[in-house]
Amino acid sequence: MVETFTLGTNSGTGTTYEAETGTTLTNAKEERTNSGYTGTGYVKFQNTTNSAVQFNTIPIGSTGTKNVKIRYALPNGTSKLDVYVNGAKTQSNVPFEATGSWSTWGEKSIQVSMANGTSTLKLVTTGTEAPIIDNINITAYVESKTAKRLRYDKYDAYAKYLNEFDSFMKSNGVNLYAISVQNEPDYAHDWTWWSADEILRFMKENAGSINNRVMAPESFSYVKAMSDKILNDPQALANMDILGAHTYGTRFSDFSYPLFKQKGAGKELWMTEVYYPNSEANSADRWPEALDVSYHIHNAMVEGDFQAYVWWYIRRQYSPMNEDGTISKRGYNMAHFSKFVRPGYVRVDATKNPAANIYTSAYKGDNKVVIVAINKSASPVSQNFTLKNGTASTVSSWVTDRTRNLAAGPKINVAGSSFTAQLPAQSVTTFVAELGKNNNIVNTNGGTTYEAEKDTTLVNSVVESTNSENNNIQFVNFNTMSDASIQWNSINCAFAGSKNVKFRYALDKGTRYLDVYVNGAKVMSDAPFEATGSWGTWGETTVQLPFKSEVNTLKVVTTGTEGPNIDKITVSPQ
C-alpha cells in the first residue's frame, strides 16, 4: 500500500529577511496600503519589466541548496519573476499564482544554490503585473530518498480501511465525530507524505465514499497551499466537512483564511493540534510565559475564526496538566476559555485590542455573555466593558495571575449596560454576565433567538398576540397574500458560512410559502410552512441559509398564499 520516493524539504525555521529592509529597490517602492504584512511594510514593483528588489546581505553558513520561501500577495492571474543569486540568473519566469487579493498573503518556495559567506538574491519582473513582496525566508534544503507515500492505486483501499476503522470504533461504543485523511501530511517524517495535489485527488475521487464526516488536510503549520486546492475544487470541497489545521510555528498574522471564508460555507474550521509557546521541560508553570497560552487561544478565535482548539498531549511537563496530574498554569489559562465557553456558544464582536497589551474576545450561549480579557502588561489596567443587544445586572469574574489560579472575584455591578473592572498585571480574567429575560436577543441551546416583533422591519404585517399560547408572547401576522414581509435587521455571526435557521410559526391548515432573502439577495424561493393544526398551536421548521461574518439581515416575504404567523427564529451553527 505504501511506496518510497525521493522528497525534498526545507530544514529548520531559517532566517526571515523583510523586503523593505536592507534591500536595493529598482523601479520599486515600499508601501503599507494593504494589511497583513510583516515588518514595517512590503515592496511593490512599479514596472512590469525590470523592476527589482535585491536582498543585499544573506549570511550562508555552508555551501549547498537552500529553500527560499517568498511571502507575496497577488489578487488574480499568474505573475512571473526572474531570480538572481549573486548577480547571476538562476531561474527564469518563476510563476506566482493568485492569492485572491492584495491583502491575502501566500507563499512560494524555490530552491537555489548558495555558497558559504554572504550572498545576494534579486527578484525581477518579466513582463507581467508582479506580486507585492513581503519577505523571504531561507532555510537549508534536504532530500530524503526513503520518504513514504500512499500508492495512488491504493487510494480506494485506504478509503475502505477508514470506513472499517470507523465501524470498528462504533461497534465498541465509540461514535467518531469525523475521520481525518492524514495527520500532518506535510511533516510526515515518520508516516506518509501527501502533496497538495495528492490530497486533492483523494478528496475528489475517494473521500465521498467515507461514511463519516471527513477532515482534511491538517497541515503541520497551517500551510494554506495544502488546502487551497480543496477549497477551489467543487467536488473536493463537497466531500470535505471539516478543514483541520495545526498551528506549529504559524504566525498570528497568518491565522486568517480569507479563501475559507469565501468558499467554506457550511464547513467547520478546527485547530486540531498545537502546544505553545514551547515544549521545554518543566515549563508548564512558568509565569508570565504561561499567559502566552491564553493569548494564543485568543488569536486562534479572533484572527483564525476556529471553531475548535485542541492541545497536543494534555499531560506533559509543558501541557495543561503536569506529570503528577495537577493543573498547570498553562492549563488554568486554557480553562479561562474551556470552562466558560461551552460547545454551541457563538463568538460575538468585541474590540480585540482595546488598549496597549489588552486583548479581549466575547462569546454568547445559554443566555450568558462570556468575556475573556488578557492583560500582558506589567501594570494593572482599569478597563470598561459595554454590553450591546443585551442587559445584565451583575457580572461574575475569575482571574489567573502570578499567585492565583482561576480564582473567583467579587460580583461587579452593571450600570447602563456597562461595567468597569480591574485587570491585574500579567493576567487573564473571564467575566460571565447572565443576560436579563427581556433582551432583544437571547441565546439558547447553542443558537441565538430573534423575536419577530423586535428589531425588525415589517411591511404589510402587524404585531399581534391573540392567538398565542401565552398572552405574553407576541408574533407577526402577514396582512397581504403577496409582498408582505418581516426583516430581521441585526443577525450577528462570528464567522461566515451556512447556518441553521429555525422558524417558530403557527398555521391552522394547508401549506403556505415564503421567499427568503439574506442581505438583500433571494436565497430560497417558496419555502414551505405546513399546517400546525391551529393558529394557537406552534410548530417549527428549519432551513439552511448562507450568512456572512458580522451583521446580516434576513427577510421572509409572502408569495401568494399570505403566510403563517411567525413568532421567532433561532440561528445556530449547522
Protein backbone atom coordinates (compact mmCIF):
# COMPACT_ATOMS: atom_id res chain seq x y z
CA MET A 1 0.00 0.00 0.00
CA VAL A 2 2.99 2.32 0.69
CA GLU A 3 5.91 3.15 -1.59
CA THR A 4 9.15 5.09 -1.12
CA PHE A 5 10.17 8.14 -3.18
CA THR A 6 12.68 11.00 -3.15
CA LEU A 7 11.40 14.07 -1.32
CA GLY A 8 12.98 17.47 -0.94
CA THR A 9 12.10 19.51 2.14
CA ASN A 10 13.32 22.60 3.93
CA SER A 11 15.10 22.03 7.23
CA GLY A 12 14.64 24.22 10.32
CA THR A 13 12.92 27.56 10.78
CA GLY A 14 15.55 29.54 8.87
CA THR A 15 16.03 33.31 8.74
CA THR A 16 13.48 35.83 7.50
CA TYR A 17 14.50 38.94 5.54
CA GLU A 18 12.00 41.76 5.10
CA ALA A 19 11.67 43.13 1.56
CA GLU A 20 11.72 46.76 2.77
CA THR A 21 14.82 46.46 5.00
CA GLY A 22 18.42 46.01 3.85
CA THR A 23 17.40 45.83 0.21
CA THR A 24 18.05 47.72 -3.02
CA LEU A 25 14.89 48.69 -4.90
CA THR A 26 14.86 49.38 -8.63
CA ASN A 27 11.65 50.83 -10.03
CA ALA A 28 10.00 49.60 -6.86
CA LYS A 29 8.91 51.18 -3.58
CA GLU A 30 7.91 50.36 -0.03
CA GLU A 31 4.17 50.54 0.74
CA ARG A 32 1.85 49.96 3.71
CA THR A 33 -1.55 50.25 2.00
CA ASN A 34 -2.59 46.59 2.17
CA SER A 35 -2.92 44.83 5.52
CA GLY A 36 -1.35 41.63 6.79
CA TYR A 37 2.32 42.34 6.06
CA THR A 38 5.14 41.68 8.49
CA GLY A 39 7.87 44.14 9.40
CA THR A 40 7.22 47.78 8.52
CA GLY A 41 5.74 47.27 5.05
CA TYR A 42 6.13 45.46 1.76
CA VAL A 43 7.61 46.17 -1.69
CA LYS A 44 5.52 46.99 -4.75
CA PHE A 45 7.08 46.76 -8.22
CA GLN A 46 6.29 49.84 -10.33
CA ASN A 47 7.05 48.44 -13.79
CA THR A 48 6.04 45.15 -15.37
CA THR A 49 9.60 44.76 -16.69
CA ASN A 50 12.97 45.26 -14.97
CA SER A 51 11.60 46.32 -11.59
CA ALA A 52 13.59 44.60 -8.86
CA VAL A 53 14.09 44.04 -5.16
CA GLN A 54 17.53 42.80 -4.13
CA PHE A 55 18.22 41.36 -0.67
CA ASN A 56 21.79 42.51 -0.07
CA THR A 57 23.06 40.62 2.96
CA ILE A 58 22.18 36.95 3.30
CA PRO A 59 24.72 35.13 5.50
CA ILE A 60 25.20 31.49 4.46
CA GLY A 61 26.95 29.12 6.85
CA SER A 62 27.54 26.24 4.46
CA THR A 63 27.55 25.78 0.70
CA GLY A 64 24.57 23.90 -0.71
CA THR A 65 20.97 24.05 -1.88
CA LYS A 66 18.75 26.43 0.06
CA ASN A 67 14.99 26.74 0.19
CA VAL A 68 13.79 30.29 -0.41
CA LYS A 69 10.20 30.86 0.69
CA ILE A 70 8.79 34.10 -0.72
CA ARG A 71 5.78 35.68 1.02
CA TYR A 72 3.69 37.62 -1.51
CA ALA A 73 0.20 38.76 -2.49
CA LEU A 74 -1.47 38.86 -5.91
CA PRO A 75 -5.24 39.30 -6.47
CA ASN A 76 -5.61 37.34 -9.70
CA GLY A 77 -3.81 35.71 -12.59
CA THR A 78 -0.26 34.39 -12.55
CA SER A 79 2.81 36.60 -12.37
CA LYS A 80 6.37 35.60 -13.24
CA LEU A 81 9.68 36.77 -11.81
CA ASP A 82 13.32 36.03 -12.65
CA VAL A 83 15.63 35.10 -9.78
CA TYR A 84 19.29 36.15 -9.49
CA VAL A 85 21.81 34.93 -6.90
CA ASN A 86 24.99 36.98 -6.55
CA GLY A 87 24.24 38.69 -9.85
CA ALA A 88 23.71 35.53 -11.91
CA LYS A 89 20.28 34.49 -13.16
CA THR A 90 19.43 31.11 -11.61
CA GLN A 91 15.75 30.77 -12.53
CA SER A 92 13.57 32.31 -15.22
CA ASN A 93 9.86 33.08 -15.15
CA VAL A 94 9.12 31.61 -11.72
CA PRO A 95 5.30 31.54 -11.51
CA PHE A 96 3.43 33.21 -8.65
CA GLU A 97 -0.24 32.22 -8.59
CA ALA A 98 -3.05 34.47 -7.37
CA THR A 99 -3.70 34.63 -3.62
CA GLY A 100 -7.14 36.23 -4.01
CA SER A 101 -6.44 39.84 -3.01
CA TRP A 102 -3.63 42.28 -2.25
CA SER A 103 -4.21 41.64 1.47
CA THR A 104 -4.24 37.84 1.22
CA TRP A 105 -0.69 36.56 1.60
CA GLY A 106 0.64 33.34 0.11
CA GLU A 107 3.99 31.64 -0.09
CA LYS A 108 6.12 30.38 -2.97
CA SER A 109 9.17 28.16 -2.36
CA ILE A 110 12.07 27.82 -4.74
CA GLN A 111 15.43 26.12 -4.40
CA VAL A 112 18.71 27.87 -5.21
CA SER A 113 22.40 27.13 -4.66
CA MET A 114 24.29 29.43 -2.30
CA ALA A 115 27.93 29.38 -1.23
CA ASN A 116 29.40 29.85 2.23
CA GLY A 117 29.68 33.57 3.02
CA THR A 118 27.37 36.47 2.18
CA SER A 119 25.01 36.21 -0.78
CA THR A 120 22.54 38.49 -2.55
CA LEU A 121 19.20 37.45 -4.01
CA LYS A 122 17.25 39.54 -6.51
CA LEU A 123 13.68 39.23 -7.85
CA VAL A 124 12.99 40.93 -11.22
CA THR A 125 9.74 41.50 -13.12
CA THR A 126 9.49 39.90 -16.56
CA GLY A 127 6.51 41.46 -18.33
CA THR A 128 3.50 40.64 -16.15
CA GLU A 129 1.91 42.51 -13.27
CA ALA A 130 4.03 41.49 -10.34
CA PRO A 131 3.05 40.37 -6.87
CA ILE A 132 3.83 42.54 -3.87
CA ILE A 133 6.67 41.07 -1.81
CA ASP A 134 6.57 40.95 1.99
CA ASN A 135 9.64 38.91 2.90
CA ILE A 136 11.74 35.87 2.13
CA ASN A 137 12.71 33.03 4.46
CA ILE A 138 15.83 30.98 3.79
CA THR A 139 16.49 27.52 5.18
CA ALA A 140 18.63 24.52 4.32
CA TYR A 141 17.10 22.16 1.77
CA VAL A 142 17.49 18.41 2.18
CA GLU A 143 16.40 15.40 0.16
CA SER A 144 15.22 12.10 1.55
CA LYS A 145 15.34 9.09 -0.72
CA THR A 146 13.29 6.96 1.68
CA ALA A 147 10.20 9.12 2.12
CA LYS A 148 6.93 7.18 2.16
CA ARG A 149 3.64 7.88 0.45
CA LEU A 150 0.42 6.00 -0.24
CA ARG A 151 0.39 4.36 -3.67
CA TYR A 152 -2.09 6.01 -5.98
CA ASP A 153 -3.71 2.70 -6.90
CA LYS A 154 -4.42 2.07 -3.21
CA TYR A 155 -6.48 5.19 -2.54
CA ASP A 156 -9.74 3.26 -2.81
CA ALA A 157 -8.47 0.55 -0.43
CA TYR A 158 -7.42 3.26 2.04
CA ALA A 159 -10.91 4.80 1.99
CA LYS A 160 -12.36 1.35 2.72
CA TYR A 161 -9.88 0.92 5.57
CA LEU A 162 -11.01 4.22 7.11
CA ASN A 163 -14.61 3.00 6.93
CA GLU A 164 -13.62 -0.28 8.59
CA PHE A 165 -11.89 1.62 11.39
CA ASP A 166 -14.95 3.83 11.87
CA SER A 167 -17.19 0.75 12.05
CA PHE A 168 -14.83 -0.98 14.49
CA MET A 169 -14.87 2.00 16.83
CA LYS A 170 -18.66 2.26 16.61
CA SER A 171 -19.09 -1.45 17.41
CA ASN A 172 -17.02 -0.84 20.54
CA GLY A 173 -19.19 2.04 21.71
CA VAL A 174 -17.21 4.96 20.25
CA ASN A 175 -19.01 7.12 17.69
CA LEU A 176 -16.30 9.11 15.95
CA TYR A 177 -17.31 12.64 15.05
CA ALA A 178 -15.06 12.70 11.97
CA ILE A 179 -12.25 10.88 10.15
CA SER A 180 -9.05 12.71 9.13
CA VAL A 181 -7.39 11.70 5.88
CA GLN A 182 -3.85 12.16 7.26
CA ASN A 183 -2.13 13.71 10.24
CA GLU A 184 0.36 16.39 9.13
CA PRO A 185 0.82 15.28 5.51
CA ASP A 186 3.49 17.98 5.07
CA TYR A 187 5.57 16.88 8.11
CA ALA A 188 5.49 13.13 7.65
CA HIS A 189 9.00 12.08 8.63
CA ASP A 190 7.58 9.04 10.47
CA TRP A 191 4.43 8.40 8.43
CA THR A 192 3.20 9.02 4.87
CA TRP A 193 3.68 12.27 2.97
CA TRP A 194 0.94 13.77 0.83
CA SER A 195 1.39 16.66 -1.56
CA ALA A 196 -1.40 19.20 -2.05
CA ASP A 197 -2.23 17.55 -5.39
CA GLU A 198 -2.39 14.10 -3.79
CA ILE A 199 -4.70 15.32 -1.02
CA LEU A 200 -6.85 16.98 -3.70
CA ARG A 201 -7.02 13.75 -5.72
CA PHE A 202 -8.11 11.69 -2.73
CA MET A 203 -10.68 14.27 -1.67
CA LYS A 204 -12.17 14.38 -5.19
CA GLU A 205 -12.14 10.69 -6.05
CA ASN A 206 -12.30 8.77 -2.78
CA ALA A 207 -13.40 10.86 0.20
CA GLY A 208 -17.03 10.77 -0.89
CA SER A 209 -17.18 7.05 -0.06
CA ILE A 210 -16.25 7.59 3.60
CA ASN A 211 -19.24 7.03 5.88
CA ASN A 212 -18.48 9.82 8.31
CA ARG A 213 -17.51 13.47 8.31
CA VAL A 214 -14.17 13.94 6.53
CA MET A 215 -11.45 16.22 7.87
CA ALA A 216 -8.52 17.46 5.76
CA PRO A 217 -5.71 18.34 5.36
CA GLU A 218 -4.32 19.00 8.91
CA SER A 219 -1.20 20.80 7.71
CA PHE A 220 1.62 20.97 10.27
CA SER A 221 1.88 24.78 10.18
CA TYR A 222 -1.49 25.73 8.61
CA VAL A 223 0.12 25.98 5.18
CA LYS A 224 -2.73 27.30 3.05
CA ALA A 225 -1.27 25.76 -0.10
CA MET A 226 -2.24 22.36 1.33
CA SER A 227 -5.93 23.28 1.44
CA ASP A 228 -6.36 25.99 -1.23
CA LYS A 229 -6.85 23.39 -3.95
CA ILE A 230 -9.58 21.64 -1.98
CA LEU A 231 -11.45 24.90 -1.45
CA ASN A 232 -11.14 25.77 -5.14
CA ASP A 233 -12.42 22.40 -6.38
CA PRO A 234 -16.22 21.96 -6.06
CA GLN A 235 -16.13 18.15 -5.81
CA ALA A 236 -13.29 18.01 -3.29
CA LEU A 237 -14.95 20.74 -1.24
CA ALA A 238 -18.27 18.89 -1.26
CA ASN A 239 -16.51 15.83 0.20
CA MET A 240 -14.81 17.81 2.99
CA ASP A 241 -16.75 18.53 6.18
CA ILE A 242 -14.01 19.97 8.40
CA LEU A 243 -10.91 21.89 7.42
CA GLY A 244 -8.39 20.84 10.07
CA ALA A 245 -5.09 22.60 10.75
CA HIS A 246 -2.18 22.52 13.17
CA THR A 247 -0.57 25.84 14.04
CA TYR A 248 3.00 24.89 14.95
CA GLY A 249 5.12 27.93 14.10
CA THR A 250 2.21 29.71 12.39
CA ARG A 251 2.30 33.47 12.80
CA PHE A 252 -0.82 35.11 14.17
CA SER A 253 -0.90 37.26 11.03
CA ASP A 254 -1.36 34.03 9.05
CA PHE A 255 -4.25 32.68 11.16
CA SER A 256 -6.86 34.37 8.98
CA TYR A 257 -8.00 32.38 5.93
CA PRO A 258 -9.96 34.61 3.51
CA LEU A 259 -10.36 31.82 0.96
CA PHE A 260 -12.10 29.64 3.53
CA LYS A 261 -14.44 32.49 4.42
CA GLN A 262 -15.19 32.86 0.72
CA LYS A 263 -15.59 29.19 -0.21
CA GLY A 264 -16.19 27.31 3.05
CA ALA A 265 -19.88 27.97 3.69
CA GLY A 266 -21.33 25.11 5.74
CA LYS A 267 -17.89 23.70 6.60
CA GLU A 268 -16.25 23.62 10.01
CA LEU A 269 -12.79 25.05 10.76
CA TRP A 270 -10.83 23.31 13.51
CA MET A 271 -7.40 23.90 15.03
CA THR A 272 -6.65 20.26 15.81
CA GLU A 273 -3.18 20.29 17.38
CA VAL A 274 -0.63 22.60 18.96
CA TYR A 275 1.47 23.24 22.01
CA TYR A 276 2.55 26.78 22.77
CA PRO A 277 4.86 28.62 23.31
CA ASN A 278 7.38 25.74 23.62
CA SER A 279 7.82 22.14 24.77
CA GLU A 280 10.66 22.71 27.21
CA ALA A 281 10.96 20.54 30.31
CA ASN A 282 9.14 21.80 33.42
CA SER A 283 7.80 24.84 31.55
CA ALA A 284 4.09 24.42 32.26
CA ASP A 285 4.09 26.58 35.40
CA ARG A 286 6.45 29.35 34.27
CA TRP A 287 4.97 32.80 34.70
CA PRO A 288 4.28 35.01 32.81
CA GLU A 289 5.23 32.63 29.98
CA ALA A 290 2.06 30.59 30.60
CA LEU A 291 0.00 33.69 29.78
CA ASP A 292 1.02 33.11 26.16
CA VAL A 293 -1.38 30.14 26.11
CA SER A 294 -4.47 32.31 26.58
CA TYR A 295 -3.01 34.83 24.13
CA HIS A 296 -2.58 32.04 21.56
CA ILE A 297 -6.18 30.87 22.07
CA HIS A 298 -7.37 34.47 21.78
CA ASN A 299 -5.71 34.80 18.38
CA ALA A 300 -6.99 31.41 17.23
CA MET A 301 -10.54 32.55 17.99
CA VAL A 302 -10.36 36.20 16.90
CA GLU A 303 -7.92 36.11 14.00
CA GLY A 304 -8.39 32.48 12.91
CA ASP A 305 -12.16 32.08 13.47
CA PHE A 306 -11.50 28.49 14.57
CA GLN A 307 -14.44 26.55 16.00
CA ALA A 308 -12.30 24.09 17.95
CA TYR A 309 -8.95 24.37 19.73
CA VAL A 310 -7.12 21.14 20.61
CA TRP A 311 -3.89 20.86 22.64
CA TRP A 312 -1.27 18.20 21.91
CA TYR A 313 -0.55 15.91 24.90
CA ILE A 314 -2.73 17.07 27.79
CA ARG A 315 -0.37 15.58 30.42
CA ARG A 316 3.23 16.64 29.90
CA GLN A 317 5.82 18.91 31.52
CA TYR A 318 4.74 21.66 29.12
CA SER A 319 1.00 20.95 28.97
CA PRO A 320 -2.27 21.91 30.68
CA MET A 321 -1.72 19.07 33.15
CA ASN A 322 1.58 18.32 34.88
CA GLU A 323 3.03 14.81 35.01
CA ASP A 324 1.67 14.41 38.57
CA GLY A 325 -1.89 15.12 37.39
CA THR A 326 -2.17 18.65 38.79
CA ILE A 327 -3.43 21.51 36.62
CA SER A 328 -0.58 23.74 35.45
CA LYS A 329 -0.51 27.48 34.86
CA ARG A 330 -0.86 26.74 31.16
CA GLY A 331 -3.92 24.63 31.98
CA TYR A 332 -5.56 27.38 34.01
CA ASN A 333 -5.04 29.77 31.10
CA MET A 334 -6.82 27.32 28.81
CA ALA A 335 -9.60 26.90 31.41
CA HIS A 336 -10.47 30.58 31.13
CA PHE A 337 -11.90 29.61 27.74
CA SER A 338 -12.84 25.92 28.04
CA LYS A 339 -14.63 26.13 31.40
CA PHE A 340 -16.89 29.00 30.37
CA VAL A 341 -17.13 28.96 26.55
CA ARG A 342 -19.09 25.76 26.12
CA PRO A 343 -19.91 23.73 22.98
CA GLY A 344 -22.50 25.53 20.88
CA TYR A 345 -21.55 29.01 22.09
CA VAL A 346 -21.01 31.62 19.38
CA ARG A 347 -18.25 34.21 19.31
CA VAL A 348 -19.65 37.74 19.05
CA ASP A 349 -18.00 41.02 18.17
CA ALA A 350 -15.67 42.55 20.75
CA THR A 351 -12.90 45.10 20.47
CA LYS A 352 -9.98 42.71 20.20
CA ASN A 353 -7.26 45.13 21.36
CA PRO A 354 -8.97 47.99 23.25
CA ALA A 355 -5.72 49.27 24.79
CA ALA A 356 -2.00 48.52 24.63
CA ASN A 357 -1.35 44.94 25.79
CA ILE A 358 -5.07 44.32 26.43
CA TYR A 359 -6.81 41.62 24.37
CA THR A 360 -10.50 40.70 24.58
CA SER A 361 -12.91 38.26 22.97
CA ALA A 362 -16.58 37.58 23.73
CA TYR A 363 -18.99 34.65 23.37
CA LYS A 364 -22.74 34.00 23.82
CA GLY A 365 -24.63 30.91 24.87
CA ASP A 366 -27.16 29.65 27.44
CA ASN A 367 -28.40 33.22 27.94
CA LYS A 368 -24.93 34.33 29.05
CA VAL A 369 -22.19 36.56 27.70
CA VAL A 370 -18.61 35.41 28.37
CA ILE A 371 -15.74 37.88 28.02
CA VAL A 372 -12.10 36.78 28.22
CA ALA A 373 -9.68 39.66 28.83
CA ILE A 374 -5.89 39.33 28.81
CA ASN A 375 -3.55 41.94 30.28
CA LYS A 376 0.01 41.30 29.10
CA SER A 377 1.42 44.49 30.60
CA ALA A 378 3.39 44.66 33.85
CA SER A 379 0.84 47.06 35.39
CA PRO A 380 -2.84 46.70 36.35
CA VAL A 381 -5.35 48.28 33.97
CA SER A 382 -8.86 49.62 34.61
CA GLN A 383 -10.94 48.51 31.62
CA ASN A 384 -14.51 49.49 30.73
CA PHE A 385 -16.85 46.99 29.04
CA THR A 386 -20.19 47.74 27.34
CA LEU A 387 -22.79 45.06 26.53
CA LYS A 388 -24.72 45.62 23.31
CA ASN A 389 -28.05 43.97 22.44
CA GLY A 390 -28.39 42.74 25.99
CA THR A 391 -28.66 43.76 29.62
CA ALA A 392 -27.33 42.31 32.86
CA SER A 393 -27.37 43.48 36.48
CA THR A 394 -24.16 41.84 37.71
CA VAL A 395 -21.08 40.15 36.28
CA SER A 396 -19.09 37.31 37.85
CA SER A 397 -15.33 37.09 37.31
CA TRP A 398 -12.42 34.66 37.62
CA VAL A 399 -8.72 35.56 37.38
CA THR A 400 -5.38 33.81 36.89
CA ASP A 401 -2.15 35.70 37.52
CA ARG A 402 1.21 35.00 39.16
CA THR A 403 -0.32 33.98 42.51
CA ARG A 404 -3.90 32.98 41.66
CA ASN A 405 -5.40 30.16 39.60
CA LEU A 406 -8.92 30.68 38.24
CA ALA A 407 -9.80 32.48 41.47
CA ALA A 408 -13.34 33.80 41.79
CA GLY A 409 -13.63 37.55 42.23
CA PRO A 410 -16.40 39.69 43.71
CA LYS A 411 -19.60 40.42 41.78
CA ILE A 412 -19.37 43.50 39.58
CA ASN A 413 -22.40 45.74 39.19
CA VAL A 414 -23.53 46.73 35.69
CA ALA A 415 -24.82 50.26 35.14
CA GLY A 416 -26.49 51.17 31.86
CA SER A 417 -25.13 48.01 30.14
CA SER A 418 -21.56 48.96 31.16
CA PHE A 419 -19.15 47.90 33.85
CA THR A 420 -15.54 48.65 34.75
CA ALA A 421 -13.11 46.03 36.02
CA GLN A 422 -9.51 45.93 37.18
CA LEU A 423 -7.31 43.66 35.08
CA PRO A 424 -4.31 42.70 37.25
CA ALA A 425 -0.81 42.91 35.80
CA GLN A 426 0.06 39.94 33.58
CA SER A 427 -3.27 38.20 34.00
CA VAL A 428 -6.22 36.63 32.25
CA THR A 429 -9.76 37.30 33.51
CA THR A 430 -13.04 35.73 32.47
CA PHE A 431 -16.27 37.66 33.01
CA VAL A 432 -19.68 35.98 32.85
CA ALA A 433 -22.86 38.04 32.59
CA GLU A 434 -26.30 36.45 32.98
CA LEU A 435 -28.48 38.22 30.44
CA GLY A 436 -31.83 39.61 31.53
CA LYS A 437 -35.10 37.97 30.46
CA ASN A 438 -36.20 40.89 28.27
CA ASN A 439 -33.21 41.02 25.98
CA ASN A 440 -33.95 41.53 22.32
CA ILE A 441 -31.51 38.72 21.53
CA VAL A 442 -31.48 35.61 23.67
CA ASN A 443 -29.05 32.72 23.21
CA THR A 444 -30.30 29.21 23.98
CA ASN A 445 -29.16 25.70 23.13
CA GLY A 446 -26.23 26.90 21.06
CA GLY A 447 -28.34 29.21 18.92
CA THR A 448 -29.33 32.86 19.00
CA THR A 449 -33.04 33.63 19.06
CA TYR A 450 -34.50 36.72 17.35
CA GLU A 451 -38.12 37.66 18.06
CA ALA A 452 -40.24 38.57 15.04
CA GLU A 453 -41.57 41.74 16.69
CA LYS A 454 -38.24 43.18 17.92
CA ASP A 455 -35.57 44.95 15.84
CA THR A 456 -37.43 44.03 12.67
CA THR A 457 -38.89 45.94 9.74
CA LEU A 458 -42.49 44.98 8.93
CA VAL A 459 -44.13 45.62 5.57
CA ASN A 460 -47.87 44.90 5.30
CA SER A 461 -47.53 42.99 8.57
CA VAL A 462 -48.57 43.65 12.18
CA VAL A 463 -47.66 42.53 15.68
CA GLU A 464 -50.43 40.54 17.41
CA SER A 465 -50.84 38.32 20.46
CA THR A 466 -54.39 37.00 20.30
CA ASN A 467 -53.52 33.52 19.02
CA SER A 468 -50.53 32.79 21.29
CA GLU A 469 -50.39 30.01 23.87
CA ASN A 470 -49.37 32.67 26.39
CA ASN A 471 -50.61 36.25 26.18
CA ASN A 472 -47.08 37.49 26.93
CA ILE A 473 -45.83 36.01 23.66
CA GLN A 474 -46.24 38.22 20.62
CA PHE A 475 -45.95 37.27 16.96
CA VAL A 476 -46.19 38.82 13.49
CA ASN A 477 -49.19 38.33 11.21
CA PHE A 478 -48.86 38.96 7.46
CA ASN A 479 -51.71 41.18 6.17
CA THR A 480 -51.44 40.53 2.42
CA MET A 481 -51.03 37.40 0.34
CA SER A 482 -48.10 38.84 -1.60
CA ASP A 483 -45.19 41.15 -0.73
CA ALA A 484 -45.87 41.26 3.00
CA SER A 485 -42.59 40.80 4.84
CA ILE A 486 -40.62 40.60 8.07
CA GLN A 487 -36.95 41.63 8.03
CA TRP A 488 -34.65 40.90 10.95
CA ASN A 489 -32.09 43.71 10.82
CA SER A 490 -29.23 42.60 13.07
CA ILE A 491 -28.30 38.94 12.90
CA ASN A 492 -24.76 38.68 14.25
CA CYS A 493 -22.50 35.88 13.02
CA ALA A 494 -18.92 35.47 14.22
CA PHE A 495 -17.92 33.70 11.00
CA ALA A 496 -19.31 33.22 7.53
CA GLY A 497 -21.00 30.02 6.43
CA SER A 498 -24.24 28.11 6.24
CA LYS A 499 -26.41 28.34 9.38
CA ASN A 500 -29.49 26.53 10.58
CA VAL A 501 -32.44 28.94 10.83
CA LYS A 502 -35.36 27.52 12.83
CA PHE A 503 -38.70 29.28 12.39
CA ARG A 504 -41.35 29.03 15.15
CA TYR A 505 -44.73 29.58 13.50
CA ALA A 506 -48.43 28.70 13.55
CA LEU A 507 -50.78 27.80 10.66
CA ASP A 508 -54.23 26.28 11.02
CA LYS A 509 -54.39 24.29 7.78
CA GLY A 510 -52.82 23.75 4.37
CA THR A 511 -49.31 24.77 3.31
CA ARG A 512 -48.10 28.32 2.80
CA TYR A 513 -44.91 29.54 1.18
CA LEU A 514 -42.40 32.32 1.81
CA ASP A 515 -39.45 33.60 -0.18
CA VAL A 516 -36.29 34.06 1.90
CA TYR A 517 -33.71 36.82 1.46
CA VAL A 518 -30.32 37.16 3.18
CA ASN A 519 -28.57 40.55 2.98
CA GLY A 520 -30.97 41.61 0.21
CA ALA A 521 -30.42 38.60 -2.05
CA LYS A 522 -33.05 35.90 -2.54
CA VAL A 523 -31.58 32.60 -1.33
CA MET A 524 -34.74 30.45 -1.24
CA SER A 525 -37.99 30.53 -3.20
CA ASP A 526 -41.30 29.23 -1.86
CA ALA A 527 -40.03 27.75 1.38
CA PRO A 528 -42.95 25.59 2.61
CA PHE A 529 -44.63 26.01 6.00
CA GLU A 530 -47.02 23.12 6.70
CA ALA A 531 -50.08 23.29 8.95
CA THR A 532 -49.57 23.05 12.73
CA GLY A 533 -53.28 22.31 13.40
CA SER A 534 -54.49 25.68 14.65
CA TRP A 535 -53.44 29.30 14.98
CA GLY A 536 -52.71 28.64 18.67
CA THR A 537 -50.51 25.57 18.02
CA TRP A 538 -46.88 26.43 17.38
CA GLY A 539 -44.59 24.33 15.23
CA GLU A 540 -41.04 24.60 13.90
CA THR A 541 -39.31 24.24 10.56
CA THR A 542 -35.59 24.55 9.88
CA VAL A 543 -33.78 25.70 6.73
CA GLN A 544 -30.11 26.23 5.94
CA LEU A 545 -29.10 29.71 4.84
CA PRO A 546 -25.76 31.38 3.96
CA PHE A 547 -24.55 34.23 6.17
CA LYS A 548 -21.51 36.50 6.10
CA SER A 549 -19.46 37.29 9.18
CA GLU A 550 -20.62 40.11 11.44
CA VAL A 551 -24.09 41.70 10.89
CA ASN A 552 -26.68 40.21 8.49
CA THR A 553 -30.30 40.83 7.53
CA LEU A 554 -32.89 38.11 6.90
CA LYS A 555 -36.26 38.73 5.27
CA VAL A 556 -39.26 36.47 4.58
CA VAL A 557 -41.86 37.57 2.03
CA THR A 558 -45.31 36.22 1.18
CA THR A 559 -45.66 34.82 -2.34
CA GLY A 560 -49.42 34.48 -2.96
CA THR A 561 -50.62 32.34 -0.05
CA GLU A 562 -50.37 35.02 2.66
CA GLY A 563 -48.24 33.24 5.25
CA PRO A 564 -48.06 31.63 8.69
CA ASN A 565 -47.88 33.65 11.89
CA ILE A 566 -44.20 34.00 12.84
CA ASP A 567 -43.13 34.00 16.49
CA LYS A 568 -39.33 33.98 16.23
CA ILE A 569 -36.27 32.49 14.54
CA THR A 570 -33.25 30.76 16.06
CA VAL A 571 -29.93 30.88 14.19
CA SER A 572 -27.34 28.25 15.05
CA PRO A 573 -24.22 26.64 13.50
CA GLN A 574 -25.00 23.92 11.01
